[in-house]
């Protein structure tokens, strides 16, 4: 049965450059499970999110790239499990 998790949202310490910042979410087979593109919140440029398709039980990986307004680039990833 699919879960009702609607999105992945990340809060950063610094303002983001929307054109160069992104979040990707994939399933265990590497298939994208996002619905649409990630976006930086226009009213809070430290907040970025992406919508999700319906998730079935399994392991998912979130990979993010954050480019700060000053040009500093960071990236990372983490996993979560849907039971």
C-alpha atoms as a PDB file:
ATOM      1  CA  UNK A   1       0.000   0.000   0.000  1.00  0.00           C
ATOM      2  CA  UNK A   2       1.500   3.377  -0.990  1.00  0.00           C
ATOM      3  CA  UNK A   3       2.426   5.825   1.741  1.00  0.00           C
ATOM      4  CA  UNK A   4       0.981   9.312   2.016  1.00  0.00           C
ATOM      5  CA  UNK A   5       4.370  11.079   2.204  1.00  0.00           C
ATOM      6  CA  UNK A   6       3.866  13.976  -0.212  1.00  0.00           C
ATOM      7  CA  UNK A   7       7.305  15.584  -0.395  1.00  0.00           C
ATOM      8  CA  UNK A   8      10.882  15.821   0.773  1.00  0.00           C
ATOM      9  CA  UNK A   9      11.823  19.205   2.228  1.00  0.00           C
ATOM     10  CA  UNK A  10      15.243  20.363   3.419  1.00  0.00           C
ATOM     11  CA  UNK A  11      16.052  23.486   5.423  1.00  0.00           C
ATOM     12  CA  UNK A  12      19.512  24.986   4.815  1.00  0.00           C
ATOM     13  CA  UNK A  13      21.597  27.450   6.850  1.00  0.00           C
ATOM     14  CA  UNK A  14      22.153  29.883   3.979  1.00  0.00           C
ATOM     15  CA  UNK A  15      20.038  31.340   1.185  1.00  0.00           C
ATOM     16  CA  UNK A  16      20.040  29.157  -1.943  1.00  0.00           C
ATOM     17  CA  UNK A  17      20.493  30.025  -5.601  1.00  0.00           C
ATOM     18  CA  UNK A  18      17.358  28.368  -7.073  1.00  0.00           C
ATOM     19  CA  UNK A  19      18.767  27.893 -10.583  1.00  0.00           C
ATOM     20  CA  UNK A  20      21.594  25.660  -9.337  1.00  0.00           C
ATOM     21  CA  UNK A  21      20.074  23.883  -6.291  1.00  0.00           C
ATOM     22  CA  UNK A  22      18.114  20.626  -6.492  1.00  0.00           C
ATOM     23  CA  UNK A  23      16.774  17.536  -4.740  1.00  0.00           C
ATOM     24  CA  UNK A  24      16.455  14.123  -6.404  1.00  0.00           C
ATOM     25  CA  UNK A  25      14.721  11.111  -4.811  1.00  0.00           C
ATOM     26  CA  UNK A  26      15.194   7.606  -6.195  1.00  0.00           C
ATOM     27  CA  UNK A  27      14.049   4.108  -5.275  1.00  0.00           C
ATOM     28  CA  UNK A  28      16.342   1.119  -4.653  1.00  0.00           C
ATOM     29  CA  UNK A  29      16.597   0.520  -8.424  1.00  0.00           C
ATOM     30  CA  UNK A  30      17.673   4.126  -9.050  1.00  0.00           C
ATOM     31  CA  UNK A  31      14.339   5.155 -10.583  1.00  0.00           C
ATOM     32  CA  UNK A  32      13.145   8.697  -9.880  1.00  0.00           C
ATOM     33  CA  UNK A  33      10.089   8.930  -7.606  1.00  0.00           C
ATOM     34  CA  UNK A  34       9.654  12.704  -7.741  1.00  0.00           C
ATOM     35  CA  UNK A  35       6.633  14.430  -9.221  1.00  0.00           C
ATOM     36  CA  UNK A  36       7.963  17.552 -10.885  1.00  0.00           C
ATOM     37  CA  UNK A  37      11.128  19.523 -10.226  1.00  0.00           C
ATOM     38  CA  UNK A  38      12.495  20.567  -6.870  1.00  0.00           C
ATOM     39  CA  UNK A  39      12.045  24.214  -5.964  1.00  0.00           C
ATOM     40  CA  UNK A  40      13.406  26.772  -3.543  1.00  0.00           C
ATOM     41  CA  UNK A  41      10.584  28.455  -1.608  1.00  0.00           C
ATOM     42  CA  UNK A  42      10.152  32.018  -2.905  1.00  0.00           C
ATOM     43  CA  UNK A  43       9.210  33.282   0.572  1.00  0.00           C
ATOM     44  CA  UNK A  44      12.021  31.370   2.375  1.00  0.00           C
ATOM     45  CA  UNK A  45      15.108  30.943   0.199  1.00  0.00           C
ATOM     46  CA  UNK A  46      16.685  28.569   2.766  1.00  0.00           C
ATOM     47  CA  UNK A  47      13.904  25.992   2.182  1.00  0.00           C
ATOM     48  CA  UNK A  48      13.899  23.584  -0.789  1.00  0.00           C
ATOM     49  CA  UNK A  49      11.422  20.803  -1.502  1.00  0.00           C
ATOM     50  CA  UNK A  50      10.287  18.352  -4.153  1.00  0.00           C
ATOM     51  CA  UNK A  51       6.984  16.490  -4.553  1.00  0.00           C
ATOM     52  CA  UNK A  52       6.878  12.703  -4.445  1.00  0.00           C
ATOM     53  CA  UNK A  53       4.968  10.036  -6.324  1.00  0.00           C
ATOM     54  CA  UNK A  54       3.111   7.492  -4.163  1.00  0.00           C
ATOM     55  CA  UNK A  55       5.812   5.471  -2.372  1.00  0.00           C
ATOM     56  CA  UNK A  56       5.594   1.734  -1.833  1.00  0.00           C
ATOM     57  CA  UNK A  57       7.577  -0.074   0.903  1.00  0.00           C
ATOM     58  CA  UNK A  58      11.299   0.045   0.264  1.00  0.00           C
ATOM     59  CA  UNK A  59      14.474   2.085   0.579  1.00  0.00           C
ATOM     60  CA  UNK A  60      14.728   5.520  -1.024  1.00  0.00           C
ATOM     61  CA  UNK A  61      17.706   7.821  -1.501  1.00  0.00           C
ATOM     62  CA  UNK A  62      17.595  11.612  -1.371  1.00  0.00           C
ATOM     63  CA  UNK A  63      20.460  13.390  -3.162  1.00  0.00           C
ATOM     64  CA  UNK A  64      20.712  17.153  -2.851  1.00  0.00           C
ATOM     65  CA  UNK A  65      22.824  19.928  -4.304  1.00  0.00           C
ATOM     66  CA  UNK A  66      22.769  23.337  -2.650  1.00  0.00           C
ATOM     67  CA  UNK A  67      24.397  26.392  -4.171  1.00  0.00           C
ATOM     68  CA  UNK A  68      24.368  29.357  -1.819  1.00  0.00           C
ATOM     69  CA  UNK A  69      23.729  32.880  -3.032  1.00  0.00           C
ATOM     70  CA  UNK A  70      27.485  33.534  -2.590  1.00  0.00           C
ATOM     71  CA  UNK A  71      28.305  30.666  -5.000  1.00  0.00           C
ATOM     72  CA  UNK A  72      29.415  28.106  -2.378  1.00  0.00           C
ATOM     73  CA  UNK A  73      28.331  24.610  -3.525  1.00  0.00           C
ATOM     74  CA  UNK A  74      27.619  21.682  -1.213  1.00  0.00           C
ATOM     75  CA  UNK A  75      25.989  18.338  -1.811  1.00  0.00           C
ATOM     76  CA  UNK A  76      24.991  15.252   0.084  1.00  0.00           C
ATOM     77  CA  UNK A  77      22.629  12.327   0.310  1.00  0.00           C
ATOM     78  CA  UNK A  78      20.731  10.225   2.798  1.00  0.00           C
ATOM     79  CA  UNK A  79      18.348   7.275   2.719  1.00  0.00           C
ATOM     80  CA  UNK A  80      15.006   6.509   4.306  1.00  0.00           C
ATOM     81  CA  UNK A  81      12.818   3.424   4.423  1.00  0.00           C
ATOM     82  CA  UNK A  82       9.083   3.153   3.859  1.00  0.00           C
ATOM     83  CA  UNK A  83       7.584   0.196   5.723  1.00  0.00           C
END
